[in-house]
Amino acid sequence: MRLIKMTGGLGNQMFIYAFYLKMKKQFPHTKIDLSDMMHYHVHHGYEMNRVFGLPRIEFCMNRTLKKVMEFLLCKVVYERKQKNGSMEAFIKTYTWPLVYFKGFYQSERFFSDIEDEVREAFSFNMELVNPQSREMMRFIDADEHAVSIHIRRGDYLLPKFWENAGCVCQLPYYKNAIAELEKHEPAPSYYVFSDDIEWVKQDLSLPNAHYIDWNRGNDSWQDMMLMSRCRNHIICNSTFSWWGAWLNPRRDKAVIAPSRWFMKEETPYIYPSGWIKVSIN
């Protein structure tokens, strides 16, 4: 049996779930382990069943039992310990009765050959869309120049996140990203998604801008849904807007991304082919 640890906010949950979909193709007895999510109070909890209407196939166990199991019966595979992007540890056969995978799998390479299945799984539950987002969805669908732009501040301004992640996508990056985007779309309509709309209005001079500021709490996922309906994208170093851009099925889309994802870590596999990296300075 293979267990995959689930953790993080919606974007990270999606990467882990996509990895699970790939893993169970070769190893049908693979399960998602929600044990740690029961004690995870950041963001909005586990959202995959509600947001995408996915079946409840997840596995959960007592934390004490889990520790005993890991110590006695389990081979633990850490994604971060795989060197040079090696995939061997994820696809090899183990003699252990239980193999436990821990990581975030933030790369299309973990599921590129099952792209259609991933897109089908990540079909938003439209029955839950609120009236404002439903109206904005129709507006975006009719706009041939729609560009999503995601500015994440909030938790990224906290000292524990700032030095590695929060400092990456600041005003210089967005100015560079807008200049690059307008090479591909000379008459953009910007749809702004941010947890700090006032900062955007004050510091970014965006022509023809529409500000989406009503999706809070359990409705937060609807920002990703609206992003995915835009024609082109400016993302930040956030898996939330990564998926907003990736779920746009258009092959001719322009996706502008920061040249660095983290200041202290290299992430060479996080950028899908064709996405445009621009300087953060």
Protein backbone atom coordinates (compact mmCIF):
# COMPACT_ATOMS: atom_id res chain seq x y z
CA MET A 1 0.00 0.00 0.00
CA ARG A 2 1.13 3.55 -0.73
CA LEU A 3 0.02 6.56 1.29
CA ILE A 4 0.50 10.17 0.19
CA LYS A 5 0.52 12.86 2.84
CA MET A 6 -1.93 15.70 2.20
CA THR A 7 -1.09 19.17 3.47
CA GLY A 8 -1.24 22.86 2.58
CA GLY A 9 -3.78 25.21 1.02
CA LEU A 10 -5.84 24.57 -2.09
CA GLY A 11 -3.01 25.00 -4.62
CA ASN A 12 -0.74 22.57 -2.81
CA GLN A 13 -3.60 20.15 -2.27
CA MET A 14 -4.14 20.12 -6.03
CA PHE A 15 -0.49 19.29 -6.74
CA ILE A 16 -0.61 16.45 -4.21
CA TYR A 17 -3.91 15.16 -5.60
CA ALA A 18 -2.56 15.26 -9.18
CA PHE A 19 0.44 13.24 -7.98
CA TYR A 20 -1.99 10.79 -6.39
CA LEU A 21 -3.90 10.40 -9.67
CA LYS A 22 -0.64 9.60 -11.44
CA MET A 23 0.59 7.23 -8.71
CA LYS A 24 -2.58 5.14 -8.59
CA LYS A 25 -2.29 4.43 -12.32
CA GLN A 26 0.70 2.23 -11.61
CA PHE A 27 -0.09 1.33 -7.99
CA PRO A 28 -3.88 0.95 -7.59
CA HIS A 29 -3.73 0.59 -3.81
CA THR A 30 -2.50 4.16 -3.37
CA LYS A 31 -4.42 6.31 -0.87
CA ILE A 32 -4.35 9.94 0.27
CA ASP A 33 -3.62 10.36 3.98
CA LEU A 34 -5.58 13.19 5.63
CA SER A 35 -4.30 12.53 9.15
CA ASP A 36 -2.26 15.73 9.38
CA MET A 37 -5.03 17.84 7.80
CA MET A 38 -7.20 17.12 10.81
CA HIS A 39 -4.84 19.37 12.79
CA TYR A 40 -4.16 21.90 9.99
CA HIS A 41 -5.91 25.20 10.65
CA VAL A 42 -4.28 27.42 8.03
CA HIS A 43 -6.25 28.47 4.93
CA HIS A 44 -9.59 26.66 4.64
CA GLY A 45 -8.87 23.04 5.47
CA TYR A 46 -9.14 20.19 3.00
CA GLU A 47 -11.11 21.49 0.00
CA MET A 48 -10.85 18.93 -2.77
CA ASN A 49 -14.19 17.20 -2.20
CA ARG A 50 -16.16 20.43 -1.86
CA VAL A 51 -14.51 22.58 -4.53
CA PHE A 52 -14.31 19.92 -7.24
CA GLY A 53 -17.02 17.50 -6.15
CA LEU A 54 -14.46 14.69 -5.99
CA PRO A 55 -15.37 11.39 -4.33
CA ARG A 56 -14.25 10.85 -0.73
CA ILE A 57 -11.46 8.30 -1.13
CA GLU A 58 -9.11 9.68 1.50
CA PHE A 59 -7.56 7.73 4.36
CA CYS A 60 -7.21 8.95 7.94
CA MET A 61 -5.72 7.37 11.06
CA ASN A 62 -4.98 8.15 14.70
CA ARG A 63 -1.76 10.15 15.03
CA THR A 64 -0.27 7.78 17.60
CA LEU A 65 -1.01 4.79 15.39
CA LYS A 66 0.50 6.62 12.46
CA LYS A 67 3.78 7.23 14.31
CA VAL A 68 4.00 3.60 15.34
CA MET A 69 3.25 2.49 11.79
CA GLU A 70 5.92 4.78 10.32
CA PHE A 71 8.50 3.47 12.81
CA LEU A 72 7.79 -0.26 12.35
CA LEU A 73 6.23 -0.92 8.96
CA CYS A 74 6.88 1.99 6.71
CA LYS A 75 9.35 3.26 4.15
CA VAL A 76 9.14 7.07 4.03
CA VAL A 77 9.99 8.80 0.74
CA TYR A 78 10.70 12.54 0.96
CA GLU A 79 10.34 14.48 -2.26
CA ARG A 80 12.84 17.13 -1.16
CA LYS A 81 15.59 14.50 -0.81
CA GLN A 82 15.42 13.37 -4.45
CA LYS A 83 18.47 14.75 -6.22
CA ASN A 84 18.54 16.31 -9.69
CA GLY A 85 14.83 15.89 -10.19
CA SER A 86 15.03 12.09 -10.15
CA MET A 87 11.67 10.34 -10.47
CA GLU A 88 12.99 6.88 -9.57
CA ALA A 89 11.90 6.94 -5.92
CA PHE A 90 8.29 7.58 -6.93
CA ILE A 91 7.89 4.86 -9.53
CA LYS A 92 10.06 2.03 -8.20
CA THR A 93 8.65 -1.06 -6.48
CA TYR A 94 9.39 -1.40 -2.77
CA THR A 95 9.49 -4.52 -0.60
CA TRP A 96 8.05 -2.62 2.37
CA PRO A 97 4.36 -3.34 3.12
CA LEU A 98 3.69 0.40 3.32
CA VAL A 99 5.38 3.28 1.52
CA TYR A 100 4.64 6.80 2.74
CA PHE A 101 5.26 9.80 0.44
CA LYS A 102 5.85 13.29 1.81
CA GLY A 103 6.18 16.32 -0.45
CA PHE A 104 4.41 18.98 -2.50
CA TYR A 105 5.12 17.75 -6.10
CA GLN A 106 4.95 21.29 -7.48
CA SER A 107 5.66 20.40 -11.07
CA GLU A 108 3.71 19.39 -14.14
CA ARG A 109 6.21 16.59 -14.69
CA PHE A 110 4.46 14.52 -12.02
CA PHE A 111 1.25 14.35 -14.07
CA SER A 112 1.90 15.67 -17.60
CA ASP A 113 1.03 12.35 -19.22
CA ILE A 114 -2.41 12.32 -17.55
CA GLU A 115 -3.21 15.98 -18.19
CA ASP A 116 -6.74 15.29 -19.46
CA GLU A 117 -7.57 13.27 -16.34
CA VAL A 118 -6.24 16.01 -14.07
CA ARG A 119 -8.26 18.66 -15.88
CA GLU A 120 -11.38 16.54 -15.61
CA ALA A 121 -10.80 15.99 -11.88
CA PHE A 122 -10.28 19.72 -11.30
CA SER A 123 -13.62 20.80 -12.74
CA PHE A 124 -15.06 23.37 -10.36
CA ASN A 125 -18.32 22.64 -8.58
CA MET A 126 -20.43 25.28 -10.32
CA GLU A 127 -23.38 24.67 -8.02
CA LEU A 128 -21.48 26.51 -5.26
CA VAL A 129 -20.60 29.64 -7.26
CA ASN A 130 -21.97 32.79 -5.63
CA PRO A 131 -24.05 35.33 -7.64
CA GLN A 132 -21.25 37.93 -7.93
CA SER A 133 -18.74 35.40 -9.24
CA ARG A 134 -21.32 33.95 -11.61
CA GLU A 135 -21.91 37.40 -13.08
CA MET A 136 -18.17 38.09 -13.31
CA MET A 137 -17.66 34.70 -14.98
CA ARG A 138 -20.04 35.72 -17.77
CA PHE A 139 -18.29 39.08 -18.06
CA ILE A 140 -14.84 37.45 -18.39
CA ASP A 141 -16.09 34.86 -20.86
CA ALA A 142 -17.26 37.67 -23.14
CA ASP A 143 -13.99 39.62 -22.85
CA GLU A 144 -11.45 38.58 -25.50
CA HIS A 145 -8.75 40.64 -23.78
CA ALA A 146 -9.17 39.29 -20.24
CA VAL A 147 -5.92 39.04 -18.24
CA SER A 148 -5.79 37.74 -14.67
CA ILE A 149 -3.22 39.29 -12.35
CA HIS A 150 -2.64 37.82 -8.89
CA ILE A 151 -1.00 39.84 -6.12
CA ARG A 152 -0.47 37.92 -2.89
CA ARG A 153 0.54 39.90 0.16
CA GLY A 154 -1.24 38.90 3.39
CA ASP A 155 0.71 36.00 4.92
CA TYR A 156 3.68 36.66 2.59
CA LEU A 157 4.39 39.87 4.53
CA LEU A 158 4.89 37.95 7.79
CA PRO A 159 8.55 37.60 8.89
CA LYS A 160 8.51 33.79 8.62
CA PHE A 161 7.55 33.98 4.91
CA TRP A 162 8.98 37.32 3.78
CA GLU A 163 12.67 36.47 3.36
CA ASN A 164 12.15 33.42 1.14
CA ALA A 165 8.79 33.97 -0.58
CA GLY A 166 7.17 37.30 0.23
CA CYS A 167 9.99 39.49 -1.07
CA VAL A 168 9.92 37.93 -4.55
CA CYS A 169 6.86 39.45 -6.24
CA GLN A 170 6.96 43.12 -5.38
CA LEU A 171 6.37 46.24 -7.49
CA PRO A 172 9.38 45.76 -9.84
CA TYR A 173 8.18 42.28 -10.79
CA TYR A 174 4.66 43.42 -11.57
CA LYS A 175 5.89 46.33 -13.69
CA ASN A 176 8.14 43.96 -15.65
CA ALA A 177 5.32 41.42 -15.96
CA ILE A 178 2.85 44.01 -17.25
CA ALA A 179 5.37 45.27 -19.82
CA GLU A 180 5.93 41.69 -21.05
CA LEU A 181 2.21 40.86 -21.05
CA GLU A 182 1.40 43.87 -23.19
CA LYS A 183 3.72 42.53 -25.90
CA HIS A 184 1.27 39.64 -26.24
CA GLU A 185 -1.98 41.52 -25.53
CA PRO A 186 -1.76 45.22 -26.46
CA ALA A 187 -5.25 46.07 -25.16
CA PRO A 188 -5.61 44.09 -21.92
CA SER A 189 -8.52 44.12 -19.52
CA TYR A 190 -7.02 43.33 -16.12
CA TYR A 191 -8.91 41.21 -13.61
CA VAL A 192 -7.22 41.76 -10.29
CA PHE A 193 -7.14 39.08 -7.58
CA SER A 194 -5.46 40.10 -4.35
CA ASP A 195 -5.71 40.02 -0.58
CA ASP A 196 -4.61 43.67 -0.61
CA ILE A 197 -6.66 45.47 -3.25
CA GLU A 198 -5.85 48.90 -1.80
CA TRP A 199 -2.11 48.31 -2.30
CA VAL A 200 -2.78 47.37 -5.92
CA LYS A 201 -4.87 50.48 -6.57
CA GLN A 202 -2.26 52.70 -4.94
CA ASP A 203 0.94 51.20 -6.36
CA LEU A 204 -0.01 49.68 -9.71
CA SER A 205 -1.45 51.88 -12.43
CA LEU A 206 -3.62 49.40 -14.29
CA PRO A 207 -5.75 50.55 -17.21
CA ASN A 208 -9.18 49.00 -17.57
CA ALA A 209 -8.98 47.11 -14.27
CA HIS A 210 -11.68 45.05 -12.59
CA TYR A 211 -11.15 44.22 -8.91
CA ILE A 212 -12.47 40.92 -7.54
CA ASP A 213 -12.65 41.38 -3.78
CA TRP A 214 -15.69 39.44 -2.57
CA ASN A 215 -14.53 35.81 -2.49
CA ARG A 216 -13.63 35.23 1.13
CA GLY A 217 -13.45 32.21 3.43
CA ASN A 218 -15.00 29.12 1.88
CA ASP A 219 -15.63 31.07 -1.33
CA SER A 220 -11.92 31.89 -1.85
CA TRP A 221 -11.53 29.12 -4.45
CA GLN A 222 -13.82 31.06 -6.77
CA ASP A 223 -10.94 33.46 -7.48
CA MET A 224 -9.05 30.53 -9.01
CA MET A 225 -12.11 29.58 -11.05
CA LEU A 226 -12.38 33.13 -12.42
CA MET A 227 -8.63 33.30 -13.13
CA SER A 228 -8.87 30.12 -15.20
CA ARG A 229 -11.46 31.72 -17.50
CA CYS A 230 -9.17 34.61 -18.48
CA ARG A 231 -7.25 34.52 -21.79
CA ASN A 232 -3.82 35.40 -20.39
CA HIS A 233 -2.23 35.55 -16.95
CA ILE A 234 0.24 37.31 -14.70
CA ILE A 235 0.85 35.03 -11.74
CA CYS A 236 2.89 35.42 -8.58
CA ASN A 237 4.93 32.82 -6.71
CA SER A 238 1.78 31.14 -5.44
CA THR A 239 0.43 27.71 -6.33
CA PHE A 240 -3.05 29.26 -6.25
CA SER A 241 -2.43 31.43 -9.33
CA TRP A 242 -0.22 28.70 -10.87
CA TRP A 243 -3.32 26.52 -11.06
CA GLY A 244 -5.49 29.44 -12.13
CA ALA A 245 -3.26 29.80 -15.19
CA TRP A 246 -2.73 26.08 -15.80
CA LEU A 247 -6.45 25.31 -15.80
CA ASN A 248 -6.97 27.72 -18.68
CA PRO A 249 -7.06 25.16 -21.53
CA ARG A 250 -6.10 27.60 -24.32
CA ARG A 251 -2.90 26.57 -26.08
CA ASP A 252 -2.12 30.14 -27.19
CA LYS A 253 -2.30 31.70 -23.72
CA ALA A 254 0.51 33.85 -22.35
CA VAL A 255 1.47 33.11 -18.75
CA ILE A 256 3.90 35.54 -17.14
CA ALA A 257 5.70 34.23 -14.04
CA PRO A 258 8.49 35.48 -11.76
CA SER A 259 11.99 34.34 -12.67
CA ARG A 260 12.42 33.08 -9.12
CA TRP A 261 9.82 31.24 -7.07
CA PHE A 262 11.76 31.37 -3.81
CA MET A 263 14.81 33.45 -2.87
CA LYS A 264 16.60 30.62 -1.06
CA GLU A 265 15.53 27.58 -3.07
CA GLU A 266 15.88 26.62 -6.70
CA THR A 267 12.66 25.43 -8.38
CA PRO A 268 13.63 24.54 -11.97
CA TYR A 269 10.69 22.21 -12.53
CA ILE A 270 7.83 24.45 -11.42
CA TYR A 271 7.48 26.28 -14.76
CA PRO A 272 5.54 24.50 -17.50
CA SER A 273 6.95 24.70 -21.00
CA GLY A 274 6.02 27.96 -22.71
CA TRP A 275 5.47 30.02 -19.60
CA ILE A 276 7.38 33.32 -19.72
CA LYS A 277 9.71 34.15 -16.83
CA VAL A 278 10.47 37.80 -16.17
CA SER A 279 12.87 39.50 -13.78
CA ILE A 280 11.78 40.25 -10.22
CA ASN A 281 14.11 43.29 -10.08
